[in-house]
PDB file of N, CA and C in Angstrom:
ATOM      1  N   UNK A   1      24.469  58.088  -1.181  1.00  0.00           N
ATOM      2  CA  UNK A   1      23.904  58.250   0.059  1.00  0.00           C
ATOM      3  C   UNK A   1      24.000  60.136  -0.287  1.00  0.00           C
ATOM      4  N   UNK A   2      22.975  60.722  -0.271  1.00  0.00           N
ATOM      5  CA  UNK A   2      22.947  62.263  -0.470  1.00  0.00           C
ATOM      6  C   UNK A   2      23.227  62.777   0.856  1.00  0.00           C
ATOM      7  N   UNK A   3      23.976  64.065   0.537  1.00  0.00           N
ATOM      8  CA  UNK A   3      24.194  64.869   1.413  1.00  0.00           C
ATOM      9  C   UNK A   3      24.079  66.202   1.458  1.00  0.00           C
ATOM     10  N   UNK A   4      23.190  66.941   1.858  1.00  0.00           N
ATOM     11  CA  UNK A   4      22.827  68.216   1.813  1.00  0.00           C
ATOM     12  C   UNK A   4      23.440  69.219   2.725  1.00  0.00           C
ATOM     13  N   UNK A   5      23.840  70.696   2.782  1.00  0.00           N
ATOM     14  CA  UNK A   5      24.062  71.503   3.304  1.00  0.00           C
ATOM     15  C   UNK A   5      23.451  72.732   3.254  1.00  0.00           C
ATOM     16  N   UNK A   6      22.628  73.502   4.286  1.00  0.00           N
ATOM     17  CA  UNK A   6      22.133  74.500   4.027  1.00  0.00           C
ATOM     18  C   UNK A   6      22.330  75.256   5.237  1.00  0.00           C
ATOM     19  N   UNK A   7      22.037  76.711   4.633  1.00  0.00           N
ATOM     20  CA  UNK A   7      22.365  77.735   5.602  1.00  0.00           C
ATOM     21  C   UNK A   7      21.527  79.147   5.381  1.00  0.00           C
ATOM     22  N   UNK A   8      21.184  79.750   6.627  1.00  0.00           N
ATOM     23  CA  UNK A   8      20.216  80.668   6.422  1.00  0.00           C
ATOM     24  C   UNK A   8      20.442  81.418   7.803  1.00  0.00           C
ATOM     25  N   UNK A   9      20.034  82.635   7.926  1.00  0.00           N
ATOM     26  CA  UNK A   9      20.240  83.811   8.991  1.00  0.00           C
ATOM     27  C   UNK A   9      18.735  83.681   9.911  1.00  0.00           C
ATOM     28  N   UNK A  10      18.678  83.333  11.433  1.00  0.00           N
ATOM     29  CA  UNK A  10      17.294  83.133  11.700  1.00  0.00           C
ATOM     30  C   UNK A  10      16.966  84.440  12.888  1.00  0.00           C
ATOM     31  N   UNK A  11      16.233  85.020  13.206  1.00  0.00           N
ATOM     32  CA  UNK A  11      16.073  85.642  14.400  1.00  0.00           C
ATOM     33  C   UNK A  11      15.877  85.516  15.316  1.00  0.00           C
ATOM     34  N   UNK A  12      16.385  84.258  16.088  1.00  0.00           N
ATOM     35  CA  UNK A  12      15.805  83.565  17.056  1.00  0.00           C
ATOM     36  C   UNK A  12      16.861  83.040  17.892  1.00  0.00           C
ATOM     37  N   UNK A  13      16.929  82.956  19.363  1.00  0.00           N
ATOM     38  CA  UNK A  13      18.204  82.722  20.102  1.00  0.00           C
ATOM     39  C   UNK A  13      18.399  81.220  19.392  1.00  0.00           C
ATOM     40  N   UNK A  14      19.735  80.994  19.404  1.00  0.00           N
ATOM     41  CA  UNK A  14      20.431  79.754  18.837  1.00  0.00           C
ATOM     42  C   UNK A  14      19.495  78.394  19.775  1.00  0.00           C
ATOM     43  N   UNK A  15      19.682  78.649  20.980  1.00  0.00           N
ATOM     44  CA  UNK A  15      19.434  77.281  21.680  1.00  0.00           C
ATOM     45  C   UNK A  15      17.631  77.156  21.143  1.00  0.00           C
ATOM     46  N   UNK A  16      16.971  77.985  21.034  1.00  0.00           N
ATOM     47  CA  UNK A  16      15.104  77.597  20.531  1.00  0.00           C
ATOM     48  C   UNK A  16      15.458  77.216  19.161  1.00  0.00           C
ATOM     49  N   UNK A  17      16.313  77.578  17.996  1.00  0.00           N
ATOM     50  CA  UNK A  17      16.483  77.401  16.662  1.00  0.00           C
ATOM     51  C   UNK A  17      16.941  75.495  16.814  1.00  0.00           C
ATOM     52  N   UNK A  18      17.866  75.497  17.402  1.00  0.00           N
ATOM     53  CA  UNK A  18      18.788  74.229  17.592  1.00  0.00           C
ATOM     54  C   UNK A  18      17.691  73.282  18.370  1.00  0.00           C
ATOM     55  N   UNK A  19      16.778  73.482  19.115  1.00  0.00           N
ATOM     56  CA  UNK A  19      15.701  72.241  19.611  1.00  0.00           C
ATOM     57  C   UNK A  19      14.917  72.519  18.960  1.00  0.00           C
ATOM     58  N   UNK A  20      14.450  73.345  17.924  1.00  0.00           N
ATOM     59  CA  UNK A  20      13.290  72.889  17.002  1.00  0.00           C
ATOM     60  C   UNK A  20      13.866  72.296  15.839  1.00  0.00           C
ATOM     61  N   UNK A  21      15.064  72.308  15.440  1.00  0.00           N
ATOM     62  CA  UNK A  21      15.946  71.797  14.324  1.00  0.00           C
ATOM     63  C   UNK A  21      16.215  70.188  14.868  1.00  0.00           C
ATOM     64  N   UNK A  22      16.201  69.824  15.947  1.00  0.00           N
ATOM     65  CA  UNK A  22      16.482  68.503  16.252  1.00  0.00           C
ATOM     66  C   UNK A  22      15.143  67.778  16.791  1.00  0.00           C
ATOM     67  N   UNK A  23      14.131  68.603  16.625  1.00  0.00           N
ATOM     68  CA  UNK A  23      12.882  67.862  16.813  1.00  0.00           C
ATOM     69  C   UNK A  23      12.461  67.327  15.848  1.00  0.00           C
ATOM     70  N   UNK A  24      12.813  66.092  15.464  1.00  0.00           N
ATOM     71  CA  UNK A  24      11.853  65.495  14.205  1.00  0.00           C
ATOM     72  C   UNK A  24      10.964  64.844  13.997  1.00  0.00           C
ATOM     73  N   UNK A  25      10.245  65.263  15.183  1.00  0.00           N
ATOM     74  CA  UNK A  25       8.787  65.018  15.195  1.00  0.00           C
ATOM     75  C   UNK A  25       7.914  66.215  14.617  1.00  0.00           C
ATOM     76  N   UNK A  26       8.704  67.199  14.690  1.00  0.00           N
ATOM     77  CA  UNK A  26       7.953  68.241  13.834  1.00  0.00           C
ATOM     78  C   UNK A  26       8.368  68.698  13.022  1.00  0.00           C
ATOM     79  N   UNK A  27       9.620  67.995  12.048  1.00  0.00           N
ATOM     80  CA  UNK A  27      10.262  68.259  10.881  1.00  0.00           C
ATOM     81  C   UNK A  27       9.120  68.848   9.738  1.00  0.00           C
ATOM     82  N   UNK A  28       7.921  68.101   9.584  1.00  0.00           N
ATOM     83  CA  UNK A  28       6.874  68.261   8.971  1.00  0.00           C
ATOM     84  C   UNK A  28       6.526  69.998   9.051  1.00  0.00           C
ATOM     85  N   UNK A  29       6.450  70.592  10.077  1.00  0.00           N
ATOM     86  CA  UNK A  29       6.032  72.207  10.336  1.00  0.00           C
ATOM     87  C   UNK A  29       7.215  72.751   9.188  1.00  0.00           C
ATOM     88  N   UNK A  30       8.421  72.372   9.549  1.00  0.00           N
ATOM     89  CA  UNK A  30       9.093  73.531   8.178  1.00  0.00           C
ATOM     90  C   UNK A  30       9.940  72.707   7.413  1.00  0.00           C
ATOM     91  N   UNK A  31       9.582  71.671   7.082  1.00  0.00           N
ATOM     92  CA  UNK A  31       9.473  70.943   5.501  1.00  0.00           C
ATOM     93  C   UNK A  31       8.275  70.340   4.428  1.00  0.00           C
ATOM     94  N   UNK A  32       8.141  70.945   3.896  1.00  0.00           N
ATOM     95  CA  UNK A  32       6.985  70.347   3.195  1.00  0.00           C
ATOM     96  C   UNK A  32       6.720  68.999   2.818  1.00  0.00           C
ATOM     97  N   UNK A  33       5.797  68.197   3.054  1.00  0.00           N
ATOM     98  CA  UNK A  33       5.677  67.100   2.590  1.00  0.00           C
ATOM     99  C   UNK A  33       6.314  65.828   3.417  1.00  0.00           C
ATOM    100  N   UNK A  34       6.687  66.452   4.632  1.00  0.00           N
ATOM    101  CA  UNK A  34       7.224  65.409   5.394  1.00  0.00           C
ATOM    102  C   UNK A  34       6.116  64.452   6.273  1.00  0.00           C
ATOM    103  N   UNK A  35       6.038  63.407   5.865  1.00  0.00           N
ATOM    104  CA  UNK A  35       4.931  62.630   6.817  1.00  0.00           C
ATOM    105  C   UNK A  35       5.639  61.786   7.980  1.00  0.00           C
ATOM    106  N   UNK A  36       6.941  61.892   8.057  1.00  0.00           N
ATOM    107  CA  UNK A  36       7.607  61.064   9.206  1.00  0.00           C
ATOM    108  C   UNK A  36       8.938  60.803   9.297  1.00  0.00           C
ATOM    109  N   UNK A  37       9.893  60.203   9.720  1.00  0.00           N
ATOM    110  CA  UNK A  37      11.488  59.993  10.303  1.00  0.00           C
ATOM    111  C   UNK A  37      11.360  59.083  10.626  1.00  0.00           C
ATOM    112  N   UNK A  38      12.101  58.197  10.301  1.00  0.00           N
ATOM    113  CA  UNK A  38      12.250  56.726  10.867  1.00  0.00           C
ATOM    114  C   UNK A  38      13.794  56.012  10.941  1.00  0.00           C
ATOM    115  N   UNK A  39      14.161  54.972  11.329  1.00  0.00           N
ATOM    116  CA  UNK A  39      15.639  54.496  11.416  1.00  0.00           C
ATOM    117  C   UNK A  39      16.647  55.746  11.976  1.00  0.00           C
ATOM    118  N   UNK A  40      16.359  56.176  13.164  1.00  0.00           N
ATOM    119  CA  UNK A  40      17.302  57.123  13.894  1.00  0.00           C
ATOM    120  C   UNK A  40      18.217  56.150  14.848  1.00  0.00           C
ATOM    121  N   UNK A  41      19.845  56.927  14.421  1.00  0.00           N
ATOM    122  CA  UNK A  41      20.495  55.683  14.493  1.00  0.00           C
ATOM    123  C   UNK A  41      21.338  56.054  15.892  1.00  0.00           C
ATOM    124  N   UNK A  42      20.850  56.898  16.252  1.00  0.00           N
ATOM    125  CA  UNK A  42      21.252  57.788  17.879  1.00  0.00           C
ATOM    126  C   UNK A  42      21.198  59.049  17.960  1.00  0.00           C
ATOM    127  N   UNK A  43      21.693  59.681  18.993  1.00  0.00           N
ATOM    128  CA  UNK A  43      20.774  61.148  19.475  1.00  0.00           C
ATOM    129  C   UNK A  43      21.052  61.796  18.543  1.00  0.00           C
ATOM    130  N   UNK A  44      20.103  62.586  18.315  1.00  0.00           N
ATOM    131  CA  UNK A  44      19.863  63.772  16.928  1.00  0.00           C
ATOM    132  C   UNK A  44      20.725  64.870  17.235  1.00  0.00           C
ATOM    133  N   UNK A  45      20.765  65.145  18.435  1.00  0.00           N
ATOM    134  CA  UNK A  45      21.959  66.091  18.525  1.00  0.00           C
ATOM    135  C   UNK A  45      23.511  66.055  18.601  1.00  0.00           C
ATOM    136  N   UNK A  46      24.100  64.581  18.073  1.00  0.00           N
ATOM    137  CA  UNK A  46      25.324  64.266  17.973  1.00  0.00           C
ATOM    138  C   UNK A  46      25.648  63.906  16.662  1.00  0.00           C
ATOM    139  N   UNK A  47      26.803  64.102  16.362  1.00  0.00           N
ATOM    140  CA  UNK A  47      27.235  64.377  15.010  1.00  0.00           C
ATOM    141  C   UNK A  47      27.299  62.818  14.408  1.00  0.00           C
ATOM    142  N   UNK A  48      27.130  62.511  13.256  1.00  0.00           N
ATOM    143  CA  UNK A  48      27.152  60.906  12.808  1.00  0.00           C
ATOM    144  C   UNK A  48      25.777  60.500  13.019  1.00  0.00           C
ATOM    145  N   UNK A  49      24.896  60.952  13.350  1.00  0.00           N
ATOM    146  CA  UNK A  49      23.587  60.561  14.022  1.00  0.00           C
ATOM    147  C   UNK A  49      22.867  60.403  11.938  1.00  0.00           C
ATOM    148  N   UNK A  50      22.017  59.111  11.923  1.00  0.00           N
ATOM    149  CA  UNK A  50      21.453  59.385  10.555  1.00  0.00           C
ATOM    150  C   UNK A  50      19.909  59.278  10.646  1.00  0.00           C
ATOM    151  N   UNK A  51      19.296  59.486   9.795  1.00  0.00           N
ATOM    152  CA  UNK A  51      18.182  59.106   9.704  1.00  0.00           C
ATOM    153  C   UNK A  51      17.154  58.999   8.514  1.00  0.00           C
ATOM    154  N   UNK A  52      16.016  58.903   8.398  1.00  0.00           N
ATOM    155  CA  UNK A  52      15.220  58.515   7.162  1.00  0.00           C
ATOM    156  C   UNK A  52      14.414  59.589   7.292  1.00  0.00           C
ATOM    157  N   UNK A  53      13.848  60.171   5.976  1.00  0.00           N
ATOM    158  CA  UNK A  53      12.847  60.992   5.976  1.00  0.00           C
ATOM    159  C   UNK A  53      11.887  60.652   4.876  1.00  0.00           C
ATOM    160  N   UNK A  54      10.673  60.536   5.338  1.00  0.00           N
ATOM    161  CA  UNK A  54       9.737  60.110   4.534  1.00  0.00           C
ATOM    162  C   UNK A  54       8.716  61.133   4.037  1.00  0.00           C
ATOM    163  N   UNK A  55       8.604  61.247   2.705  1.00  0.00           N
ATOM    164  CA  UNK A  55       7.724  62.303   2.415  1.00  0.00           C
ATOM    165  C   UNK A  55       6.516  61.635   1.649  1.00  0.00           C
ATOM    166  N   UNK A  56       5.607  62.398   1.454  1.00  0.00           N
ATOM    167  CA  UNK A  56       4.098  62.015   0.995  1.00  0.00           C
ATOM    168  C   UNK A  56       3.495  62.808   0.052  1.00  0.00           C
ATOM    169  N   UNK A  57       2.429  62.965  -0.731  1.00  0.00           N
ATOM    170  CA  UNK A  57       2.254  64.072  -1.434  1.00  0.00           C
ATOM    171  C   UNK A  57       2.514  65.491  -1.103  1.00  0.00           C
ATOM    172  N   UNK A  58       3.173  66.329  -1.897  1.00  0.00           N
ATOM    173  CA  UNK A  58       3.022  67.556  -1.696  1.00  0.00           C
ATOM    174  C   UNK A  58       1.868  68.474  -2.186  1.00  0.00           C
ATOM    175  N   UNK A  59       1.452  69.157  -2.187  1.00  0.00           N
ATOM    176  CA  UNK A  59       0.175  69.751  -2.666  1.00  0.00           C
ATOM    177  C   UNK A  59       1.126  71.350  -3.412  1.00  0.00           C
ATOM    178  N   UNK A  60       0.954  70.938  -4.305  1.00  0.00           N
ATOM    179  CA  UNK A  60       1.237  72.128  -5.654  1.00  0.00           C
ATOM    180  C   UNK A  60       0.389  72.511  -6.245  1.00  0.00           C
ATOM    181  N   UNK A  61       0.651  74.328  -6.343  1.00  0.00           N
ATOM    182  CA  UNK A  61      -0.261  74.902  -6.895  1.00  0.00           C
ATOM    183  C   UNK A  61      -0.277  74.896  -8.395  1.00  0.00           C
ATOM    184  N   UNK A  62       0.759  74.596  -8.939  1.00  0.00           N
ATOM    185  CA  UNK A  62       0.340  74.171 -10.247  1.00  0.00           C
ATOM    186  C   UNK A  62      -0.449  73.053 -10.740  1.00  0.00           C
ATOM    187  N   UNK A  63      -0.227  71.938  -9.739  1.00  0.00           N
ATOM    188  CA  UNK A  63      -0.878  70.951 -10.119  1.00  0.00           C
ATOM    189  C   UNK A  63      -2.365  71.289  -9.838  1.00  0.00           C
ATOM    190  N   UNK A  64      -2.591  72.326  -8.927  1.00  0.00           N
ATOM    191  CA  UNK A  64      -4.260  72.648  -8.973  1.00  0.00           C
ATOM    192  C   UNK A  64      -4.331  73.216 -10.104  1.00  0.00           C
ATOM    193  N   UNK A  65      -3.877  74.148 -10.597  1.00  0.00           N
ATOM    194  CA  UNK A  65      -4.176  74.888 -11.682  1.00  0.00           C
ATOM    195  C   UNK A  65      -4.322  74.013 -12.898  1.00  0.00           C
ATOM    196  N   UNK A  66      -3.214  72.875 -13.081  1.00  0.00           N
ATOM    197  CA  UNK A  66      -3.369  71.992 -14.165  1.00  0.00           C
ATOM    198  C   UNK A  66      -5.158  71.116 -14.204  1.00  0.00           C
ATOM    199  N   UNK A  67      -5.544  70.802 -13.023  1.00  0.00           N
ATOM    200  CA  UNK A  67      -6.688  70.014 -12.699  1.00  0.00           C
ATOM    201  C   UNK A  67      -7.660  71.408 -12.821  1.00  0.00           C
ATOM    202  N   UNK A  68      -7.670  72.297 -12.525  1.00  0.00           N
ATOM    203  CA  UNK A  68      -8.756  73.334 -12.855  1.00  0.00           C
ATOM    204  C   UNK A  68      -8.696  73.577 -14.444  1.00  0.00           C
ATOM    205  N   UNK A  69      -8.072  73.857 -14.827  1.00  0.00           N
ATOM    206  CA  UNK A  69      -7.620  73.543 -16.614  1.00  0.00           C
ATOM    207  C   UNK A  69      -8.251  72.871 -17.096  1.00  0.00           C
ATOM    208  N   UNK A  70      -8.085  71.146 -17.001  1.00  0.00           N
ATOM    209  CA  UNK A  70      -8.660  69.852 -17.459  1.00  0.00           C
ATOM    210  C   UNK A  70     -10.153  70.085 -17.435  1.00  0.00           C
ATOM    211  N   UNK A  71     -10.609  70.868 -16.220  1.00  0.00           N
ATOM    212  CA  UNK A  71     -11.841  70.894 -16.107  1.00  0.00           C
ATOM    213  C   UNK A  71     -13.023  71.640 -16.756  1.00  0.00           C
ATOM    214  N   UNK A  72     -11.796  72.314 -17.763  1.00  0.00           N
ATOM    215  CA  UNK A  72     -12.167  73.184 -18.426  1.00  0.00           C
ATOM    216  C   UNK A  72     -12.600  74.835 -18.092  1.00  0.00           C
ATOM    217  N   UNK A  73     -11.863  75.005 -16.701  1.00  0.00           N
ATOM    218  CA  UNK A  73     -11.774  76.515 -16.575  1.00  0.00           C
ATOM    219  C   UNK A  73     -10.107  76.885 -16.352  1.00  0.00           C
ATOM    220  N   UNK A  74      -9.907  77.915 -17.480  1.00  0.00           N
ATOM    221  CA  UNK A  74      -8.692  77.966 -17.321  1.00  0.00           C
ATOM    222  C   UNK A  74      -8.729  79.397 -16.526  1.00  0.00           C
ATOM    223  N   UNK A  75      -9.417  80.317 -16.372  1.00  0.00           N
ATOM    224  CA  UNK A  75      -9.513  81.695 -15.662  1.00  0.00           C
ATOM    225  C   UNK A  75      -8.091  82.142 -14.642  1.00  0.00           C
ATOM    226  N   UNK A  76      -7.787  80.660 -14.084  1.00  0.00           N
ATOM    227  CA  UNK A  76      -7.094  81.050 -12.968  1.00  0.00           C
ATOM    228  C   UNK A  76      -5.440  80.256 -13.285  1.00  0.00           C
ATOM    229  N   UNK A  77      -5.545  80.124 -14.528  1.00  0.00           N
ATOM    230  CA  UNK A  77      -4.233  79.831 -15.179  1.00  0.00           C
ATOM    231  C   UNK A  77      -3.598  80.822 -15.618  1.00  0.00           C
ATOM    232  N   UNK A  78      -2.220  81.019 -14.766  1.00  0.00           N
ATOM    233  CA  UNK A  78      -1.336  82.296 -15.447  1.00  0.00           C
ATOM    234  C   UNK A  78      -0.504  81.705 -16.443  1.00  0.00           C
ATOM    235  N   UNK A  79      -0.345  80.592 -17.257  1.00  0.00           N
ATOM    236  CA  UNK A  79       0.348  80.628 -18.506  1.00  0.00           C
ATOM    237  C   UNK A  79      -0.558  81.472 -19.683  1.00  0.00           C
ATOM    238  N   UNK A  80       0.384  81.867 -20.540  1.00  0.00           N
ATOM    239  CA  UNK A  80       0.059  82.570 -21.543  1.00  0.00           C
ATOM    240  C   UNK A  80      -0.602  81.566 -22.731  1.00  0.00           C
ATOM    241  N   UNK A  81      -1.756  82.039 -23.701  1.00  0.00           N
ATOM    242  CA  UNK A  81      -2.020  81.244 -24.326  1.00  0.00           C
ATOM    243  C   UNK A  81      -0.997  80.605 -25.167  1.00  0.00           C
ATOM    244  N   UNK A  82      -1.248  79.047 -25.747  1.00  0.00           N
ATOM    245  CA  UNK A  82      -0.169  78.722 -26.434  1.00  0.00           C
ATOM    246  C   UNK A  82       0.175  79.438 -27.950  1.00  0.00           C
ATOM    247  N   UNK A  83      -1.187  79.847 -28.793  1.00  0.00           N
ATOM    248  CA  UNK A  83      -1.301  80.457 -29.610  1.00  0.00           C
ATOM    249  C   UNK A  83      -1.422  81.880 -29.251  1.00  0.00           C
ATOM    250  N   UNK A  84      -0.814  83.024 -29.841  1.00  0.00           N
ATOM    251  CA  UNK A  84      -0.428  84.356 -29.523  1.00  0.00           C
ATOM    252  C   UNK A  84      -2.072  84.852 -29.904  1.00  0.00           C
ATOM    253  N   UNK A  85      -2.882  84.093 -30.970  1.00  0.00           N
ATOM    254  CA  UNK A  85      -4.365  85.079 -31.125  1.00  0.00           C
ATOM    255  C   UNK A  85      -5.277  84.415 -30.375  1.00  0.00           C
ATOM    256  N   UNK A  86      -4.727  83.339 -29.355  1.00  0.00           N
ATOM    257  CA  UNK A  86      -6.040  82.945 -28.376  1.00  0.00           C
ATOM    258  C   UNK A  86      -5.896  83.685 -27.162  1.00  0.00           C
ATOM    259  N   UNK A  87      -7.272  83.919 -27.135  1.00  0.00           N
ATOM    260  CA  UNK A  87      -7.576  85.149 -25.972  1.00  0.00           C
ATOM    261  C   UNK A  87      -7.960  84.333 -24.561  1.00  0.00           C
ATOM    262  N   UNK A  88      -8.070  82.908 -24.836  1.00  0.00           N
ATOM    263  CA  UNK A  88      -8.911  82.120 -23.288  1.00  0.00           C
ATOM    264  C   UNK A  88     -10.159  81.807 -23.524  1.00  0.00           C
ATOM    265  N   UNK A  89     -10.848  81.459 -22.667  1.00  0.00           N
ATOM    266  CA  UNK A  89     -12.058  80.953 -22.925  1.00  0.00           C
ATOM    267  C   UNK A  89     -13.258  82.399 -22.935  1.00  0.00           C
ATOM    268  N   UNK A  90     -14.224  82.002 -23.444  1.00  0.00           N
ATOM    269  CA  UNK A  90     -15.410  82.712 -23.956  1.00  0.00           C
ATOM    270  C   UNK A  90     -15.295  83.997 -24.444  1.00  0.00           C
TER     271      UNK A  90
END
């Protein structure tokens, strides 16, 4: 089972931050791609509580660029040409 530890500084009262962090219905507001949380084993504000986070498709700017490039438009592709003598379309 994976375990993660993350820390950051937030300019807000700790009670408001804790209330948001423990509101699993809103997890998708601050964790990209979250579609739901299930199998909550107990009160979320108690040590030892576990839950399962479900992820859907994460929209990636890179994937959008690849689709654009595959359609024949490389104008928005930030990657340099693979051949140094290539200058791009047109």
